[in-house]
Amino acid sequence: MRRINVIRIGWSPLIALVLLTAFVVLWGSAAHPTNGAASESVTYDVSGTAATDPTAPNPNPSCAIFDTVGCPMIAQGTVSAASAPPGAPATGSFTLSISEINTFPPSPCRAKTVAGTLRISWTDGRTTTASVSGRFHDTKPVLYFSGTTDASSTAFPPGPSARGVLVNFPPNPCVAATNAITGTITFGR
């Protein structure tokens, strides 16, 4: 019996040390992330407006339109996260400017794909810019987009993906419309 007790005593401190080391490593990395904004995905709730105005003067000379009469498609509003990880901004204002519209032939009024620039000015003074491309879900007013942030971004610097869904975005580039939108924008790997 003494041998069993000696073995039990000999292994118990070793197991305790291994468990304590694992706990410290896990607790330390969870308590002190190196860069929460870049290493975790952050999803922001979106609210604002989206507009299409084919008769408006084109404010973007680089806008490429295929089979449509105007380009100005834009979304503006706010983004906010209920709980942003350390290092990530919590709120800001966004603009999604569409600079290219590809339509389904032969219909010039049904957008197939779009491309443009997403810009966010965060309330902490940082910015995020991403080139994005997207598509509408069938002919429904739901725009899905994705892209990557660029070198000018001071929040979510180059590399993290940007993806989003904007609900109630006017999908017809030939009809003037302004709609209230909701949705999400996610940054992260």
C-alpha atoms as a PDB file:
ATOM      1  CA  MET A   1       0.000   0.000   0.000  1.00  0.00           C
ATOM      2  CA  ARG A   2       2.793   2.384   0.627  1.00  0.00           C
ATOM      3  CA  ARG A   3       3.976   1.990  -2.940  1.00  0.00           C
ATOM      4  CA  ILE A   4       0.567   2.941  -4.225  1.00  0.00           C
ATOM      5  CA  ASN A   5       0.519   5.994  -1.981  1.00  0.00           C
ATOM      6  CA  VAL A   6       4.018   7.023  -3.084  1.00  0.00           C
ATOM      7  CA  ILE A   7       3.051   6.644  -6.749  1.00  0.00           C
ATOM      8  CA  ARG A   8      -0.165   8.552  -6.146  1.00  0.00           C
ATOM      9  CA  ILE A   9       1.712  11.329  -4.351  1.00  0.00           C
ATOM     10  CA  GLY A  10       4.394  11.391  -7.063  1.00  0.00           C
ATOM     11  CA  TRP A  11       1.907  11.775  -9.934  1.00  0.00           C
ATOM     12  CA  SER A  12      -0.513  14.210  -8.296  1.00  0.00           C
ATOM     13  CA  PRO A  13       1.875  17.200  -8.256  1.00  0.00           C
ATOM     14  CA  LEU A  14       2.846  16.539 -11.876  1.00  0.00           C
ATOM     15  CA  ILE A  15      -0.787  16.422 -13.019  1.00  0.00           C
ATOM     16  CA  ALA A  16      -1.566  19.541 -10.997  1.00  0.00           C
ATOM     17  CA  LEU A  17       1.407  21.338 -12.568  1.00  0.00           C
ATOM     18  CA  VAL A  18       0.320  20.365 -16.100  1.00  0.00           C
ATOM     19  CA  LEU A  19      -3.251  21.495 -15.465  1.00  0.00           C
ATOM     20  CA  LEU A  20      -2.087  24.749 -13.871  1.00  0.00           C
ATOM     21  CA  THR A  21       0.237  25.470 -16.803  1.00  0.00           C
ATOM     22  CA  ALA A  22      -2.569  24.815 -19.322  1.00  0.00           C
ATOM     23  CA  PHE A  23      -4.917  27.073 -17.366  1.00  0.00           C
ATOM     24  CA  VAL A  24      -2.364  29.921 -17.226  1.00  0.00           C
ATOM     25  CA  VAL A  25      -1.634  29.655 -20.945  1.00  0.00           C
ATOM     26  CA  LEU A  26      -5.318  29.629 -21.904  1.00  0.00           C
ATOM     27  CA  TRP A  27      -6.267  32.366 -19.437  1.00  0.00           C
ATOM     28  CA  GLY A  28      -3.333  34.549 -20.461  1.00  0.00           C
ATOM     29  CA  SER A  29      -4.100  34.361 -24.174  1.00  0.00           C
ATOM     30  CA  ALA A  30      -7.818  34.986 -23.633  1.00  0.00           C
ATOM     31  CA  ALA A  31      -7.237  37.895 -21.278  1.00  0.00           C
ATOM     32  CA  HIS A  32      -4.607  39.592 -23.429  1.00  0.00           C
ATOM     33  CA  PRO A  33      -5.327  39.202 -27.148  1.00  0.00           C
ATOM     34  CA  THR A  34      -2.614  40.619 -29.365  1.00  0.00           C
ATOM     35  CA  ASN A  35      -5.001  42.428 -31.694  1.00  0.00           C
ATOM     36  CA  GLY A  36      -8.699  41.723 -31.244  1.00  0.00           C
ATOM     37  CA  ALA A  37      -9.653  43.733 -34.316  1.00  0.00           C
ATOM     38  CA  ALA A  38      -7.480  41.705 -36.654  1.00  0.00           C
ATOM     39  CA  SER A  39      -7.591  38.255 -35.089  1.00  0.00           C
ATOM     40  CA  GLU A  40     -11.348  37.923 -34.512  1.00  0.00           C
ATOM     41  CA  SER A  41     -14.371  38.397 -36.716  1.00  0.00           C
ATOM     42  CA  VAL A  42     -16.512  41.378 -35.762  1.00  0.00           C
ATOM     43  CA  THR A  43     -20.082  41.737 -37.027  1.00  0.00           C
ATOM     44  CA  TYR A  44     -21.729  45.155 -37.105  1.00  0.00           C
ATOM     45  CA  ASP A  45     -25.432  45.885 -37.383  1.00  0.00           C
ATOM     46  CA  VAL A  46     -26.268  48.289 -40.203  1.00  0.00           C
ATOM     47  CA  SER A  47     -29.062  50.832 -40.508  1.00  0.00           C
ATOM     48  CA  GLY A  48     -29.442  53.608 -43.033  1.00  0.00           C
ATOM     49  CA  THR A  49     -30.707  54.293 -46.545  1.00  0.00           C
ATOM     50  CA  ALA A  50     -29.896  53.036 -50.025  1.00  0.00           C
ATOM     51  CA  ALA A  51     -30.735  54.961 -53.161  1.00  0.00           C
ATOM     52  CA  THR A  52     -30.751  54.503 -56.906  1.00  0.00           C
ATOM     53  CA  ASP A  53     -31.198  57.520 -59.163  1.00  0.00           C
ATOM     54  CA  PRO A  54     -30.572  56.849 -62.867  1.00  0.00           C
ATOM     55  CA  THR A  55     -31.328  60.460 -63.841  1.00  0.00           C
ATOM     56  CA  ALA A  56     -28.874  62.063 -61.411  1.00  0.00           C
ATOM     57  CA  PRO A  57     -25.611  63.385 -62.792  1.00  0.00           C
ATOM     58  CA  ASN A  58     -22.970  60.736 -62.350  1.00  0.00           C
ATOM     59  CA  PRO A  59     -20.729  61.982 -59.525  1.00  0.00           C
ATOM     60  CA  ASN A  60     -18.213  59.231 -60.238  1.00  0.00           C
ATOM     61  CA  PRO A  61     -16.483  59.602 -63.633  1.00  0.00           C
ATOM     62  CA  SER A  62     -15.002  56.115 -63.313  1.00  0.00           C
ATOM     63  CA  CYS A  63     -18.441  54.525 -63.039  1.00  0.00           C
ATOM     64  CA  ALA A  64     -18.843  51.750 -65.579  1.00  0.00           C
ATOM     65  CA  ILE A  65     -22.428  51.054 -66.614  1.00  0.00           C
ATOM     66  CA  PHE A  66     -23.389  48.176 -68.818  1.00  0.00           C
ATOM     67  CA  ASP A  67     -26.781  48.557 -70.509  1.00  0.00           C
ATOM     68  CA  THR A  68     -28.079  51.124 -67.998  1.00  0.00           C
ATOM     69  CA  VAL A  69     -28.735  54.854 -68.203  1.00  0.00           C
ATOM     70  CA  GLY A  70     -27.284  55.939 -64.870  1.00  0.00           C
ATOM     71  CA  CYS A  71     -25.014  54.739 -62.137  1.00  0.00           C
ATOM     72  CA  PRO A  72     -25.653  56.466 -58.869  1.00  0.00           C
ATOM     73  CA  MET A  73     -26.368  53.594 -56.485  1.00  0.00           C
ATOM     74  CA  ILE A  74     -25.306  54.378 -52.952  1.00  0.00           C
ATOM     75  CA  ALA A  75     -25.954  53.292 -49.378  1.00  0.00           C
ATOM     76  CA  GLN A  76     -25.234  55.351 -46.267  1.00  0.00           C
ATOM     77  CA  GLY A  77     -25.854  54.919 -42.569  1.00  0.00           C
ATOM     78  CA  THR A  78     -24.424  53.709 -39.303  1.00  0.00           C
ATOM     79  CA  VAL A  79     -22.714  50.558 -38.096  1.00  0.00           C
ATOM     80  CA  SER A  80     -22.580  49.364 -34.497  1.00  0.00           C
ATOM     81  CA  ALA A  81     -21.488  46.262 -32.618  1.00  0.00           C
ATOM     82  CA  ALA A  82     -23.211  45.220 -29.412  1.00  0.00           C
ATOM     83  CA  SER A  83     -19.880  43.915 -28.102  1.00  0.00           C
ATOM     84  CA  ALA A  84     -16.735  44.608 -30.101  1.00  0.00           C
ATOM     85  CA  PRO A  85     -13.591  42.719 -29.036  1.00  0.00           C
ATOM     86  CA  PRO A  86     -10.641  44.681 -27.626  1.00  0.00           C
ATOM     87  CA  GLY A  87      -8.999  46.764 -30.346  1.00  0.00           C
ATOM     88  CA  ALA A  88     -12.069  46.872 -32.598  1.00  0.00           C
ATOM     89  CA  PRO A  89     -14.117  50.051 -32.995  1.00  0.00           C
ATOM     90  CA  ALA A  90     -17.687  49.926 -31.697  1.00  0.00           C
ATOM     91  CA  THR A  91     -19.594  52.388 -33.934  1.00  0.00           C
ATOM     92  CA  GLY A  92     -19.207  54.424 -37.088  1.00  0.00           C
ATOM     93  CA  SER A  93     -20.734  55.832 -40.268  1.00  0.00           C
ATOM     94  CA  PHE A  94     -20.531  53.997 -43.587  1.00  0.00           C
ATOM     95  CA  THR A  95     -20.907  54.734 -47.286  1.00  0.00           C
ATOM     96  CA  LEU A  96     -21.122  52.069 -49.978  1.00  0.00           C
ATOM     97  CA  SER A  97     -20.615  53.659 -53.408  1.00  0.00           C
ATOM     98  CA  ILE A  98     -21.376  51.445 -56.407  1.00  0.00           C
ATOM     99  CA  SER A  99     -19.014  52.178 -59.305  1.00  0.00           C
ATOM    100  CA  GLU A 100     -19.877  49.304 -61.629  1.00  0.00           C
ATOM    101  CA  ILE A 101     -23.161  47.638 -62.533  1.00  0.00           C
ATOM    102  CA  ASN A 102     -23.390  44.571 -64.752  1.00  0.00           C
ATOM    103  CA  THR A 103     -26.896  43.702 -65.902  1.00  0.00           C
ATOM    104  CA  PHE A 104     -28.591  40.555 -67.181  1.00  0.00           C
ATOM    105  CA  PRO A 105     -28.996  40.776 -70.953  1.00  0.00           C
ATOM    106  CA  PRO A 106     -31.336  41.585 -72.516  1.00  0.00           C
ATOM    107  CA  SER A 107     -32.739  43.436 -69.502  1.00  0.00           C
ATOM    108  CA  PRO A 108     -30.786  46.624 -68.725  1.00  0.00           C
ATOM    109  CA  CYS A 109     -32.883  47.072 -65.580  1.00  0.00           C
ATOM    110  CA  ARG A 110     -31.933  43.901 -63.736  1.00  0.00           C
ATOM    111  CA  ALA A 111     -28.582  44.167 -61.931  1.00  0.00           C
ATOM    112  CA  LYS A 112     -26.523  40.996 -62.093  1.00  0.00           C
ATOM    113  CA  THR A 113     -23.399  42.086 -60.216  1.00  0.00           C
ATOM    114  CA  VAL A 114     -22.091  45.317 -58.729  1.00  0.00           C
ATOM    115  CA  ALA A 115     -18.702  46.562 -57.546  1.00  0.00           C
ATOM    116  CA  GLY A 116     -17.685  49.558 -55.530  1.00  0.00           C
ATOM    117  CA  THR A 117     -16.055  50.923 -52.409  1.00  0.00           C
ATOM    118  CA  LEU A 118     -17.083  50.575 -48.781  1.00  0.00           C
ATOM    119  CA  ARG A 119     -15.837  53.369 -46.510  1.00  0.00           C
ATOM    120  CA  ILE A 120     -16.363  53.543 -42.754  1.00  0.00           C
ATOM    121  CA  SER A 121     -15.434  56.466 -40.509  1.00  0.00           C
ATOM    122  CA  TRP A 122     -15.289  55.101 -36.966  1.00  0.00           C
ATOM    123  CA  THR A 123     -16.227  57.261 -33.986  1.00  0.00           C
ATOM    124  CA  ASP A 124     -12.732  56.726 -32.524  1.00  0.00           C
ATOM    125  CA  GLY A 125     -11.170  58.536 -35.528  1.00  0.00           C
ATOM    126  CA  ARG A 126      -9.965  55.494 -37.455  1.00  0.00           C
ATOM    127  CA  THR A 127     -11.155  54.534 -40.946  1.00  0.00           C
ATOM    128  CA  THR A 128     -11.720  51.383 -42.976  1.00  0.00           C
ATOM    129  CA  THR A 129     -11.849  51.207 -46.777  1.00  0.00           C
ATOM    130  CA  ALA A 130     -12.541  48.069 -48.806  1.00  0.00           C
ATOM    131  CA  SER A 131     -13.065  47.319 -52.486  1.00  0.00           C
ATOM    132  CA  VAL A 132     -16.113  45.091 -52.686  1.00  0.00           C
ATOM    133  CA  SER A 133     -18.145  43.237 -55.269  1.00  0.00           C
ATOM    134  CA  GLY A 134     -21.598  41.815 -54.873  1.00  0.00           C
ATOM    135  CA  ARG A 135     -24.829  40.551 -56.286  1.00  0.00           C
ATOM    136  CA  PHE A 136     -28.525  40.851 -55.650  1.00  0.00           C
ATOM    137  CA  HIS A 137     -30.439  37.771 -54.540  1.00  0.00           C
ATOM    138  CA  ASP A 138     -32.510  37.065 -57.661  1.00  0.00           C
ATOM    139  CA  THR A 139     -34.551  40.233 -58.249  1.00  0.00           C
ATOM    140  CA  LYS A 140     -35.096  40.735 -54.539  1.00  0.00           C
ATOM    141  CA  PRO A 141     -33.772  43.844 -52.793  1.00  0.00           C
ATOM    142  CA  VAL A 142     -31.055  41.935 -50.900  1.00  0.00           C
ATOM    143  CA  LEU A 143     -27.455  42.849 -51.752  1.00  0.00           C
ATOM    144  CA  TYR A 144     -24.668  40.435 -50.754  1.00  0.00           C
ATOM    145  CA  PHE A 145     -21.120  41.782 -51.028  1.00  0.00           C
ATOM    146  CA  SER A 146     -17.558  40.857 -50.079  1.00  0.00           C
ATOM    147  CA  GLY A 147     -14.025  42.145 -50.497  1.00  0.00           C
ATOM    148  CA  THR A 148     -10.865  42.968 -48.565  1.00  0.00           C
ATOM    149  CA  THR A 149      -9.691  46.018 -46.679  1.00  0.00           C
ATOM    150  CA  ASP A 150      -6.932  48.128 -48.226  1.00  0.00           C
ATOM    151  CA  ALA A 151      -3.673  49.722 -47.042  1.00  0.00           C
ATOM    152  CA  SER A 152      -5.326  53.039 -46.162  1.00  0.00           C
ATOM    153  CA  SER A 153      -7.420  51.391 -43.419  1.00  0.00           C
ATOM    154  CA  THR A 154      -6.429  52.279 -39.862  1.00  0.00           C
ATOM    155  CA  ALA A 155      -9.033  49.945 -38.349  1.00  0.00           C
ATOM    156  CA  PHE A 156      -9.005  46.435 -39.809  1.00  0.00           C
ATOM    157  CA  PRO A 157      -5.779  47.048 -41.750  1.00  0.00           C
ATOM    158  CA  PRO A 158      -5.053  45.246 -45.039  1.00  0.00           C
ATOM    159  CA  GLY A 159      -5.992  41.640 -45.243  1.00  0.00           C
ATOM    160  CA  PRO A 160      -9.175  41.005 -43.281  1.00  0.00           C
ATOM    161  CA  SER A 161     -12.169  40.187 -45.373  1.00  0.00           C
ATOM    162  CA  ALA A 162     -15.190  42.447 -45.463  1.00  0.00           C
ATOM    163  CA  ARG A 163     -18.564  40.868 -46.180  1.00  0.00           C
ATOM    164  CA  GLY A 164     -22.083  42.057 -45.750  1.00  0.00           C
ATOM    165  CA  VAL A 165     -25.769  41.793 -46.463  1.00  0.00           C
ATOM    166  CA  LEU A 166     -27.947  44.864 -47.025  1.00  0.00           C
ATOM    167  CA  VAL A 167     -31.688  44.213 -46.953  1.00  0.00           C
ATOM    168  CA  ASN A 168     -34.095  46.445 -48.930  1.00  0.00           C
ATOM    169  CA  PHE A 169     -31.422  47.869 -51.282  1.00  0.00           C
ATOM    170  CA  PRO A 170     -33.195  48.967 -54.525  1.00  0.00           C
ATOM    171  CA  PRO A 171     -32.102  46.333 -57.101  1.00  0.00           C
ATOM    172  CA  ASN A 172     -33.316  48.080 -60.271  1.00  0.00           C
ATOM    173  CA  PRO A 173     -30.736  50.552 -61.642  1.00  0.00           C
ATOM    174  CA  CYS A 174     -33.350  52.078 -64.000  1.00  0.00           C
ATOM    175  CA  VAL A 175     -35.877  53.180 -61.372  1.00  0.00           C
ATOM    176  CA  ALA A 176     -35.272  55.964 -58.889  1.00  0.00           C
ATOM    177  CA  ALA A 177     -35.825  54.750 -55.332  1.00  0.00           C
ATOM    178  CA  THR A 178     -34.701  55.471 -51.777  1.00  0.00           C
ATOM    179  CA  ASN A 179     -35.229  52.727 -49.231  1.00  0.00           C
ATOM    180  CA  ALA A 180     -34.515  52.305 -45.529  1.00  0.00           C
ATOM    181  CA  ILE A 181     -32.033  49.423 -45.169  1.00  0.00           C
ATOM    182  CA  THR A 182     -30.843  47.084 -42.447  1.00  0.00           C
ATOM    183  CA  GLY A 183     -28.223  44.374 -42.479  1.00  0.00           C
ATOM    184  CA  THR A 184     -24.792  43.357 -41.269  1.00  0.00           C
ATOM    185  CA  ILE A 185     -21.160  43.973 -42.155  1.00  0.00           C
ATOM    186  CA  THR A 186     -18.492  41.568 -40.868  1.00  0.00           C
ATOM    187  CA  PHE A 187     -14.727  42.110 -40.776  1.00  0.00           C
ATOM    188  CA  GLY A 188     -12.330  39.294 -40.059  1.00  0.00           C
ATOM    189  CA  ARG A 189     -10.648  36.247 -41.414  1.00  0.00           C
END
